[in-house]
Protein backbone atom coordinates (compact mmCIF):
# COMPACT_ATOMS: atom_id res chain seq x y z
CA MET A 1 70.16 89.74 89.31
CA GLU A 2 66.74 88.11 89.05
CA LYS A 3 66.51 84.50 90.11
CA GLU A 4 65.57 83.23 86.65
CA ASN A 5 68.66 84.88 85.14
CA LEU A 6 71.10 83.17 87.47
CA PRO A 7 73.55 80.83 85.70
CA ILE A 8 72.73 77.11 85.67
CA ASP A 9 75.53 74.71 86.60
CA GLU A 10 76.63 72.34 83.87
CA MET A 11 77.00 68.83 85.29
CA PRO A 12 76.60 65.21 84.15
CA GLU A 13 72.97 64.06 84.36
CA LYS A 14 73.93 60.90 86.26
CA ALA A 15 75.76 62.95 88.89
CA HIS A 16 72.81 65.34 89.17
CA LYS A 17 70.42 62.46 89.87
CA LYS A 18 72.71 61.30 92.66
CA ILE A 19 72.81 64.82 94.10
CA HIS A 20 69.00 64.98 93.94
CA ASN A 21 68.65 61.79 95.99
CA ILE A 22 71.26 62.92 98.53
CA SER A 23 69.66 66.34 98.89
CA PHE A 24 66.28 64.77 99.62
CA THR A 25 67.83 62.35 102.14
CA PHE A 26 69.75 65.09 103.96
CA THR A 27 66.68 67.32 104.19
CA ALA A 28 64.56 64.47 105.54
CA LEU A 29 67.33 63.55 107.98
CA MET A 30 67.60 67.13 109.25
CA ILE A 31 63.83 67.30 109.82
CA GLY A 32 63.95 63.93 111.56
CA VAL A 33 66.79 65.00 113.87
CA VAL A 34 64.97 68.21 114.83
CA LEU A 35 61.74 66.32 115.57
CA PHE A 36 63.67 63.73 117.58
CA PHE A 37 65.29 66.31 119.85
CA ILE A 38 62.00 68.16 120.30
CA SER A 39 60.23 64.93 121.28
CA GLN A 40 63.03 63.97 123.69
CA SER A 41 62.92 67.40 125.33
CA LEU A 42 59.14 67.26 125.74
CA PHE A 43 59.38 63.73 127.12
CA LEU A 44 61.99 64.81 129.66
CA LEU A 45 60.04 67.89 130.72
CA PHE A 46 56.53 66.49 131.05
CA ILE A 47 56.73 62.70 131.44
CA VAL A 48 59.93 61.73 133.28
CA ASP A 49 59.61 62.01 137.06
CA ASP A 50 62.03 63.87 139.33
CA GLU A 51 63.81 60.72 140.53
CA VAL A 52 64.72 59.66 137.00
CA LYS A 53 65.77 63.23 136.14
CA SER A 54 68.18 63.16 139.09
CA ALA A 55 69.64 59.90 137.82
CA ILE A 56 70.11 61.35 134.33
CA PHE A 57 71.54 64.75 135.25
CA GLY A 58 73.21 63.74 138.49
CA ASP A 59 72.97 65.38 141.88
CA GLU A 60 75.15 66.22 144.83
CA LYS A 61 76.38 63.08 146.61
CA SER A 62 78.49 62.49 149.69
CA ALA A 63 81.37 60.02 149.82
CA SER A 64 79.20 57.55 151.74
CA GLU A 65 76.69 57.48 148.87
CA VAL A 66 79.29 56.64 146.22
CA THR A 67 80.38 53.01 146.01
CA SER A 68 83.77 51.85 144.70
CA ASP A 69 82.11 49.76 141.98
CA LYS A 70 80.01 52.66 140.67
CA ASP A 71 79.91 52.37 136.88
CA LEU A 72 81.43 55.39 135.13
CA GLY A 73 80.98 54.12 131.58
CA HIS A 74 83.54 53.02 129.00
CA ASP A 75 86.76 54.30 127.48
CA TYR A 76 87.48 53.21 123.91
CA CYS A 77 90.81 52.16 122.40
CA GLY A 78 90.62 51.00 118.81
CA THR A 79 88.52 47.84 118.76
CA PHE A 80 87.99 47.36 122.49
CA TYR A 81 86.86 49.29 125.52
CA ILE A 82 87.62 49.11 129.23
CA TRP A 83 85.09 49.46 132.04
CA LEU A 84 85.51 52.53 134.20
CA THR A 85 84.59 52.42 137.87
CA VAL A 86 85.29 54.68 140.83
CA GLU A 87 87.87 52.18 142.11
CA ASN A 88 89.94 51.63 138.95
CA ASN A 89 89.71 55.27 137.86
CA TYR A 90 90.04 57.22 141.12
CA GLY A 91 90.88 54.72 143.85
CA SER A 92 88.30 56.06 146.31
CA ALA A 93 84.96 57.82 146.53
CA GLU A 94 86.64 60.88 148.03
CA ASN A 95 88.95 61.23 145.03
CA PHE A 96 86.02 60.74 142.67
CA LEU A 97 84.02 63.54 144.30
CA SER A 98 87.08 65.80 144.41
CA ALA A 99 87.68 65.21 140.70
CA GLU A 100 84.04 66.01 139.95
CA LYS A 101 84.32 69.29 141.82
CA ALA A 102 87.60 70.15 140.11
CA THR A 103 86.14 69.57 136.65
CA ASP A 104 82.60 70.80 137.30
CA LEU A 105 83.50 74.27 136.13
CA ALA A 106 81.94 76.82 133.84
CA VAL A 107 83.88 75.35 130.89
CA ASN A 108 81.83 72.15 130.74
CA LYS A 109 78.55 73.75 129.70
CA PRO A 110 80.11 76.09 127.09
CA LEU A 111 81.98 73.09 125.66
CA THR A 112 78.75 71.15 125.21
CA ILE A 113 76.93 74.17 123.76
CA ALA A 114 79.83 74.96 121.40
CA GLU A 115 79.96 71.36 120.15
CA LEU A 116 76.19 71.24 119.61
CA ALA A 117 76.18 74.62 117.82
CA ALA A 118 79.06 73.53 115.58
CA TYR A 119 77.34 70.28 114.60
CA ILE A 120 74.06 72.09 113.86
CA LEU A 121 75.87 74.67 111.70
CA ILE A 122 77.78 71.95 109.85
CA PHE A 123 74.66 69.90 109.20
CA VAL A 124 72.72 72.92 107.94
CA CYS A 125 75.61 74.05 105.69
CA ILE A 126 76.02 70.60 104.12
CA THR A 127 72.26 70.27 103.59
CA LEU A 128 72.08 73.70 101.91
CA ALA A 129 75.13 72.84 99.78
CA PHE A 130 73.38 69.72 98.47
CA ARG A 131 70.19 71.71 97.83
CA LYS A 132 72.12 74.31 95.81
CA ALA A 133 73.77 71.54 93.81
CA ASN A 134 70.39 69.88 93.27
CA LYS A 135 69.04 73.16 91.84
CA ARG A 136 72.17 73.48 89.66
CA ARG A 137 73.07 76.73 91.43
CA PHE A 138 76.10 75.52 93.40
CA PHE A 139 78.96 76.85 91.26
CA GLY A 140 77.19 79.92 89.93
CA GLN A 141 76.23 81.05 93.45
CA ASN A 142 79.50 80.17 95.24
CA GLY A 143 78.14 77.17 97.10
CA TRP A 144 81.71 76.36 98.13
CA ARG A 145 81.29 78.95 100.90
CA LEU A 146 78.84 76.64 102.67
CA ILE A 147 81.34 73.77 102.68
CA MET A 148 84.16 76.08 103.75
CA THR A 149 82.00 77.38 106.61
CA ALA A 150 81.32 73.79 107.72
CA GLY A 151 85.02 72.93 107.57
CA ILE A 152 86.14 76.00 109.51
CA ALA A 153 83.36 75.50 112.10
CA LEU A 154 84.47 71.91 112.64
CA LEU A 155 88.11 73.01 112.84
CA ILE A 156 87.33 75.68 115.47
CA LYS A 157 85.24 73.17 117.40
CA GLY A 158 88.16 70.71 117.29
CA ILE A 159 90.68 73.27 118.56
CA TRP A 160 88.28 74.40 121.30
CA THR A 161 87.73 70.77 122.35
CA VAL A 162 91.48 70.13 122.52
CA ILE A 163 92.02 73.17 124.77
CA ILE A 164 89.17 72.27 127.14
CA ARG A 165 90.09 68.56 127.28
CA ILE A 166 93.67 69.40 128.25
CA TYR A 167 92.39 71.77 130.92
CA LEU A 168 89.97 69.21 132.34
CA LEU A 169 92.56 66.42 132.25
CA ASN A 170 95.05 68.52 134.22
CA ALA A 171 92.37 69.56 136.73
CA GLU A 172 91.41 65.93 137.34
CA GLN A 173 94.93 64.48 137.37
CA PRO A 174 95.67 64.81 141.15
CA TYR A 175 92.72 62.54 141.96
CA VAL A 176 93.11 59.65 139.50
CA ALA A 177 94.67 56.25 140.22
CA GLY A 178 95.98 53.10 138.55
CA ILE A 179 96.56 53.28 134.81
CA PHE A 180 95.35 56.89 134.83
CA GLU A 181 98.17 58.19 137.06
CA ASN A 182 100.63 58.67 134.20
CA ARG A 183 98.15 59.49 131.47
CA ARG A 184 98.85 62.16 128.88
CA TYR A 185 96.58 64.02 126.52
CA TYR A 186 96.25 62.34 123.13
CA CYS A 187 95.07 64.33 120.14
CA GLN A 188 93.44 62.18 117.46
CA ILE A 189 94.77 64.38 114.67
CA TYR A 190 93.08 62.28 111.99
CA GLN A 191 89.71 62.76 113.70
CA THR A 192 90.15 66.27 115.16
CA PHE A 193 91.76 67.87 112.10
CA GLY A 194 91.45 65.26 109.33
CA ILE A 195 87.71 65.68 108.75
CA PRO A 196 87.85 69.52 108.72
CA ALA A 197 90.75 69.23 106.27
CA ILE A 198 88.63 67.09 103.95
CA LEU A 199 85.81 69.66 104.02
CA ILE A 200 88.21 72.55 103.39
CA MET A 201 89.80 70.59 100.54
CA THR A 202 86.33 70.09 99.03
CA ALA A 203 85.63 73.81 99.34
CA LEU A 204 88.89 74.77 97.61
CA ILE A 205 88.36 72.28 94.77
CA THR A 206 84.78 73.43 94.13
CA ARG A 207 85.87 77.06 94.41
CA GLN A 208 88.42 76.43 91.66
CA HIS A 209 85.65 75.26 89.35
CA SER A 210 83.33 78.09 90.48
CA LEU A 211 85.93 80.71 89.53
CA ASN A 212 86.38 79.08 86.13
CA VAL A 213 82.61 78.98 85.55
CA GLN A 214 82.33 82.66 86.51
CA LYS A 215 85.34 83.43 84.26
CA LYS A 216 87.36 84.86 87.15
CA ASP A 217 91.06 84.51 87.91
CA SER A 218 91.63 81.20 89.70
CA SER A 219 95.41 81.45 90.14
CA GLY A 220 95.11 82.49 93.79
CA ASN A 221 92.90 79.53 94.62
CA ALA A 222 95.23 77.22 92.69
CA LYS A 223 98.09 78.44 94.86
CA ALA A 224 95.96 77.83 97.98
CA LEU A 225 95.32 74.26 96.83
CA LYS A 226 99.05 73.65 96.39
CA ILE A 227 99.89 75.12 99.81
CA PHE A 228 97.11 73.13 101.47
CA SER A 229 98.32 69.91 99.83
CA VAL A 230 101.83 70.51 101.20
CA LEU A 231 100.40 71.24 104.66
CA ILE A 232 98.29 68.08 104.64
CA GLY A 233 101.24 65.99 103.49
CA ALA A 234 103.59 67.43 106.12
CA VAL A 235 101.20 67.08 109.08
CA ALA A 236 100.08 63.57 108.09
CA SER A 237 103.66 62.39 107.54
CA VAL A 238 104.91 63.74 110.87
CA PHE A 239 101.97 62.25 112.78
CA MET A 240 102.19 58.80 111.18
CA LEU A 241 105.98 58.59 111.46
CA THR A 242 105.86 59.72 115.09
CA ARG A 243 103.24 57.13 116.05
CA LEU A 244 105.05 54.39 114.11
CA THR A 245 108.38 55.26 115.75
CA VAL A 246 106.82 55.25 119.23
CA ARG A 247 105.19 51.87 118.62
CA ILE A 248 108.47 50.31 117.45
CA TYR A 249 110.34 51.87 120.40
CA GLU A 250 107.83 50.34 122.83
CA ILE A 251 108.34 46.89 121.30
CA ILE A 252 112.13 47.14 121.47
CA ASN A 253 112.05 48.30 125.11
CA TYR A 254 109.20 46.06 126.31
CA LYS A 255 111.24 44.79 129.29
CA SER A 256 111.89 48.23 130.76
CA HIS A 257 109.20 50.51 129.36
CA ASP A 258 105.41 50.53 129.80
CA ALA A 259 103.57 51.10 126.53
CA MET A 260 100.91 53.81 126.25
CA LEU A 261 97.61 52.97 124.57
CA PRO A 262 95.66 55.70 122.72
CA PHE A 263 92.10 56.11 124.01
CA TYR A 264 89.55 58.81 123.14
CA PHE A 265 91.41 61.82 124.51
CA ASP A 266 94.35 60.38 126.43
CA LEU A 267 97.21 57.92 126.40
CA LEU A 268 96.86 55.38 129.21
CA THR A 269 99.57 53.13 130.59
CA LEU A 270 99.62 49.41 129.81
CA PRO A 271 101.54 48.20 132.90
CA ARG A 272 103.94 45.31 132.26
CA GLU A 273 103.05 43.68 135.58
CA LEU A 274 99.48 43.09 134.37
CA ALA A 275 100.71 40.60 131.73
CA ASP A 276 101.32 36.99 132.75
CA SER A 277 104.83 37.13 131.24
CA PRO A 278 107.20 39.58 129.50
CA GLU A 279 106.90 37.53 126.31
CA THR A 280 103.11 37.89 126.33
CA TYR A 281 103.50 41.63 126.76
CA ARG A 282 105.91 41.81 123.81
CA ASP A 283 103.70 39.61 121.63
CA LEU A 284 100.68 41.82 122.30
CA LEU A 285 102.60 44.95 121.27
CA ILE A 286 103.79 43.24 118.08
CA PHE A 287 100.28 42.03 117.27
CA ARG A 288 98.82 45.50 117.86
CA LEU A 289 101.35 46.97 115.42
CA ILE A 290 100.49 44.32 112.82
CA LYS A 291 96.78 45.04 113.34
CA ASP A 292 97.30 48.78 112.84
CA LEU A 293 99.80 48.44 109.98
CA SER A 294 97.04 48.16 107.38
CA VAL A 295 95.62 51.46 108.67
CA PHE A 296 99.04 53.14 108.44
CA ILE A 297 99.46 51.93 104.84
CA ALA A 298 95.91 52.86 103.78
CA SER A 299 96.27 56.29 105.39
CA ALA A 300 99.55 56.95 103.59
CA VAL A 301 98.08 55.87 100.23
CA THR A 302 95.01 58.05 100.79
CA VAL A 303 97.04 61.13 101.72
CA ILE A 304 99.20 60.73 98.61
CA LEU A 305 96.16 60.33 96.35
CA MET A 306 94.38 63.32 97.93
CA ILE A 307 97.47 65.44 97.33
CA MET A 308 97.46 64.32 93.68
CA ILE A 309 93.77 65.26 93.39
CA MET A 310 94.40 68.72 94.86
CA LEU A 311 97.36 69.34 92.57
CA SER A 312 95.43 68.25 89.48
CA SER A 313 92.51 70.46 90.56
CA ALA A 314 94.94 73.37 90.81
CA ARG A 315 95.66 72.73 87.11
CA ASN A 316 91.89 72.85 86.43
CA GLU A 317 91.81 69.08 85.89
CA ILE A 318 89.00 68.40 88.36
CA ASN A 319 86.26 66.06 87.14
CA THR A 320 88.56 63.62 85.37
CA ARG A 321 88.66 59.84 85.17
CA LYS A 322 92.05 59.88 86.88
CA ASN A 323 90.66 61.73 89.88
CA MET A 324 87.62 59.45 90.07
CA LYS A 325 89.98 56.47 90.00
CA ARG A 326 92.06 58.02 92.80
CA PHE A 327 88.94 58.45 94.93
CA ASN A 328 87.89 54.86 94.28
CA ILE A 329 91.32 53.47 95.18
CA SER A 330 91.43 55.54 98.37
CA MET A 331 88.00 54.38 99.50
CA LEU A 332 88.80 50.77 98.62
CA VAL A 333 92.09 50.60 100.55
CA LEU A 334 90.50 52.34 103.54
CA PHE A 335 87.59 49.89 103.51
CA ILE A 336 89.93 46.87 103.27
CA SER A 337 92.10 48.21 106.10
CA SER A 338 88.94 48.70 108.18
CA LEU A 339 88.01 45.04 107.71
CA ILE A 340 91.51 43.88 108.68
CA PHE A 341 91.60 46.25 111.65
CA ASN A 342 88.24 45.12 113.03
CA ILE A 343 88.71 41.39 112.40
CA LEU A 344 92.16 41.29 114.04
CA GLY A 345 90.66 43.23 116.95
CA LEU A 346 88.78 40.06 117.95
CA HIS A 347 92.07 38.24 118.61
CA GLU A 348 93.49 41.27 120.41
CA VAL A 349 90.59 41.15 122.89
CA ASP A 350 91.24 37.43 123.46
CA ILE A 351 94.90 38.15 124.28
CA PHE A 352 93.93 40.79 126.84
CA ASN A 353 91.27 38.68 128.54
CA GLU A 354 93.38 35.50 128.64
CA HIS A 355 96.81 36.90 129.53
CA PHE A 356 96.24 40.19 131.39
CA SER A 357 94.78 41.10 134.77
CA GLY A 358 93.31 44.24 136.31
CA VAL A 359 91.38 46.66 134.15
CA TYR A 360 92.86 45.07 130.99
CA GLY A 361 91.76 41.59 132.08
CA TYR A 362 88.12 42.07 131.09
CA VAL A 363 88.05 44.26 127.99
CA VAL A 364 85.13 44.12 125.56
CA TYR A 365 85.28 44.02 121.77
CA THR A 366 83.71 46.84 119.77
CA ILE A 367 83.95 48.13 116.22
CA GLY A 368 86.62 50.76 115.62
CA LEU A 369 83.98 53.28 114.58
CA ARG A 370 82.96 53.62 118.23
CA ALA A 371 86.44 54.98 119.02
CA LEU A 372 86.30 57.29 115.96
CA CYS A 373 89.45 55.66 114.60
CA ASP A 374 87.95 53.36 111.99
CA PRO A 375 89.18 54.05 108.42
CA VAL A 376 85.64 53.46 107.14
CA LEU A 377 84.71 56.83 108.67
CA TYR A 378 86.88 58.51 106.06
CA VAL A 379 85.36 56.46 103.26
CA ILE A 380 82.13 58.35 103.98
CA PHE A 381 83.82 61.75 103.83
CA LEU A 382 85.82 60.90 100.71
CA TRP A 383 82.58 59.84 99.07
CA PHE A 384 81.28 63.31 99.98
CA VAL A 385 84.25 64.97 98.24
CA ARG A 386 83.93 62.68 95.25
CA THR A 387 80.25 63.59 94.87
CA PHE A 388 81.01 67.30 94.55
CA VAL A 389 84.00 66.71 92.28
CA SER A 390 81.76 64.59 90.01
CA ILE A 391 79.43 67.57 89.38
CA SER A 392 82.28 69.98 88.57
CA GLY A 393 81.50 70.20 84.87
CA LYS A 394 81.49 67.37 82.36
CA GLU A 395 83.81 64.46 83.05
CA GLU A 396 87.06 64.80 81.14
CA GLN A 397 89.11 61.92 79.78
């Protein structure tokens, strides 16, 4: 079919103007990112001297060259982070070097390359999807495939990361000390699988409209939307109920049980002996639950509303005022919960620094977005879904 004979997508003019602006921004951003990485690579190759390169990439060191207070960076937990050093993480320079050797395997480089490749593919797919929509060719030319590709790529990257992180954690475990001795792998399901799920949901919803535009049978896709909505509801419910149950159990058994705090990729022990009293320990656990309760509630509301949007889309009720209202409510409750979560985090940091010792005695406040657990992150992705739903034909009452 010649290009000029391809079908033009029917969409509200206001929504098309928004798509046009987003498409331009994404294209400019992609060009900017490419130029940034090229400039950084050239700077590293031709300007930075060998000594600085060694500091950046690291080099072989003996135990005598590694000090116990060597800074190893941060580890994030919600709205605070702890300082990592050789001493509090490994106990000795020998253990630190042994852990480096145990984890300095062939899997590290492929992991980095796979993550970078996945992000590049996702960024390109999303940019092309917006360009198709801007040219009013998204539904007529099956632009949903680009979003589905991005979602599946991010899902595969997430699964691959989980496998490698578990492997690396187990390889390093014999050499760690302190709060890391009893650590367990922690999968941030909402971050690892939640974002791919949102992209796949977007692809299925836009595919439903594409099939209708092309006058093809959409019953199979409608069934897929229903199945996916059940899957999302089941996984989200199990995860939230499990975490809520564990948190309540830790509060009830605060005198005999050390709580586990969720960091980036692992659960780390919060030793009771680091608190100045059992009551302080209990009060911190209660406060942390109160702080996170708004996130639990907002997450539950959002999951329910997303399920309703998928089910209505399966009935070919896609770009409707009800669905737009559901998106707006979801984004609003997530944004409010983010404010509560981050503001209460200030007091949480004060409790740690005033009533705890050791590694938890000098924690630093940070926004939840740094730990990839801030609800506002999902406001951005829901806005993305809403944008594509808003161009799925004329808005219905």
